[in-house]
Amino acid sequence: MQTIRGHLSLAVLAVVYLLASIRYFPGRAMHSLVETLIHMLSVAPINLGATLVIVAVLQRLVKERPPFSKTARLFLVVAICLEFILGLAHYFEINGAV
């Protein structure tokens, strides 16, 4: 039961990350898809670097490396937080508020 719950929470985080990464341009579906992929590939190193720093700090504090599933969850949480901020910036840029 615990592994099913763990896999399900990881899948939900992945879906939320994918939804937060979408860059939508009204009326231009292909442009939206291309910009989303470019955005995800350009932001992934930042998310990965932040996750590695956090995992290194946790490893120093606890004296053992966290399991891969917890590291993946941490990556997705960091990515969702960053995507929320970048998504707001994209929205305001599209609507001319910035």
Protein backbone atom coordinates (compact mmCIF):
# COMPACT_ATOMS: atom_id res chain seq x y z
CA MET A 1 0.00 0.00 0.00
CA GLN A 2 2.83 2.39 0.84
CA THR A 3 4.58 1.90 -2.52
CA ILE A 4 1.34 2.49 -4.43
CA ARG A 5 0.78 5.71 -2.50
CA GLY A 6 4.39 6.75 -3.13
CA HIS A 7 4.17 6.08 -6.86
CA LEU A 8 0.83 7.84 -7.07
CA SER A 9 2.11 10.96 -5.31
CA LEU A 10 5.16 11.01 -7.59
CA ALA A 11 2.91 10.73 -10.66
CA VAL A 12 0.65 13.53 -9.42
CA LEU A 13 3.67 15.77 -8.85
CA ALA A 14 4.93 14.99 -12.37
CA VAL A 15 1.55 15.88 -13.89
CA VAL A 16 1.37 19.13 -11.92
CA TYR A 17 4.91 19.96 -13.07
CA LEU A 18 3.97 19.34 -16.70
CA LEU A 19 0.86 21.48 -16.36
CA ALA A 20 2.85 24.27 -14.72
CA SER A 21 5.42 24.15 -17.52
CA ILE A 22 2.96 24.81 -20.33
CA ARG A 23 3.54 28.07 -22.16
CA TYR A 24 0.25 28.94 -23.82
CA PHE A 25 -0.10 31.26 -26.79
CA PRO A 26 -3.77 31.75 -27.72
CA GLY A 27 -4.61 30.50 -31.20
CA ARG A 28 -1.11 29.11 -31.88
CA ALA A 29 -0.96 25.50 -30.74
CA MET A 30 2.31 24.57 -32.44
CA HIS A 31 4.02 27.70 -31.11
CA SER A 32 2.78 26.80 -27.62
CA LEU A 33 4.19 23.27 -27.93
CA VAL A 34 7.59 24.43 -29.19
CA GLU A 35 7.90 27.16 -26.56
CA THR A 36 6.91 24.72 -23.82
CA LEU A 37 9.60 22.24 -24.87
CA ILE A 38 12.24 24.97 -25.18
CA HIS A 39 11.24 26.32 -21.79
CA MET A 40 11.39 22.93 -20.09
CA LEU A 41 14.82 22.17 -21.56
CA SER A 42 16.21 25.56 -20.58
CA VAL A 43 14.88 25.54 -17.00
CA ALA A 44 15.68 21.88 -16.22
CA PRO A 45 19.39 22.54 -15.44
CA ILE A 46 18.41 25.20 -12.90
CA ASN A 47 15.99 22.80 -11.21
CA LEU A 48 18.54 20.00 -11.27
CA GLY A 49 21.26 22.22 -9.79
CA ALA A 50 19.01 23.46 -6.99
CA THR A 51 17.98 19.89 -6.23
CA LEU A 52 21.59 18.69 -6.13
CA VAL A 53 22.53 21.48 -3.72
CA ILE A 54 19.60 20.65 -1.42
CA VAL A 55 20.40 16.92 -1.56
CA ALA A 56 24.07 17.63 -0.76
CA VAL A 57 23.07 19.70 2.27
CA LEU A 58 20.65 17.01 3.44
CA GLN A 59 23.31 14.36 2.92
CA ARG A 60 25.74 16.31 5.11
CA LEU A 61 23.12 16.78 7.83
CA VAL A 62 21.75 13.23 7.91
CA LYS A 63 25.00 11.45 6.91
CA GLU A 64 23.25 9.30 4.30
CA ARG A 65 22.02 9.84 0.79
CA PRO A 66 18.22 10.11 0.43
CA PRO A 67 16.56 7.48 -1.76
CA PHE A 68 15.95 8.24 -5.44
CA SER A 69 12.18 8.56 -4.98
CA LYS A 70 12.62 11.29 -2.38
CA THR A 71 15.18 13.05 -4.57
CA ALA A 72 12.77 12.90 -7.52
CA ARG A 73 9.99 14.34 -5.33
CA LEU A 74 12.31 17.11 -4.19
CA PHE A 75 13.21 17.87 -7.83
CA LEU A 76 9.53 18.10 -8.77
CA VAL A 77 8.66 20.34 -5.81
CA VAL A 78 11.54 22.71 -6.61
CA ALA A 79 10.52 22.66 -10.29
CA ILE A 80 6.86 23.40 -9.50
CA CYS A 81 7.81 26.35 -7.29
CA LEU A 82 10.08 27.78 -9.98
CA GLU A 83 7.49 27.14 -12.70
CA PHE A 84 4.86 28.99 -10.70
CA ILE A 85 7.06 32.09 -10.58
CA LEU A 86 8.09 31.80 -14.23
CA GLY A 87 4.49 31.12 -15.27
CA LEU A 88 3.33 34.32 -13.62
CA ALA A 89 6.08 36.24 -15.40
CA HIS A 90 5.04 34.68 -18.73
CA TYR A 91 1.38 35.52 -18.13
CA PHE A 92 2.14 39.15 -17.31
CA GLU A 93 4.46 39.43 -20.31
CA ILE A 94 1.80 38.05 -22.68
CA ASN A 95 -0.84 40.43 -21.35
CA GLY A 96 1.42 43.47 -21.47
CA ALA A 97 1.57 44.10 -17.73
CA VAL A 98 5.36 44.03 -17.65
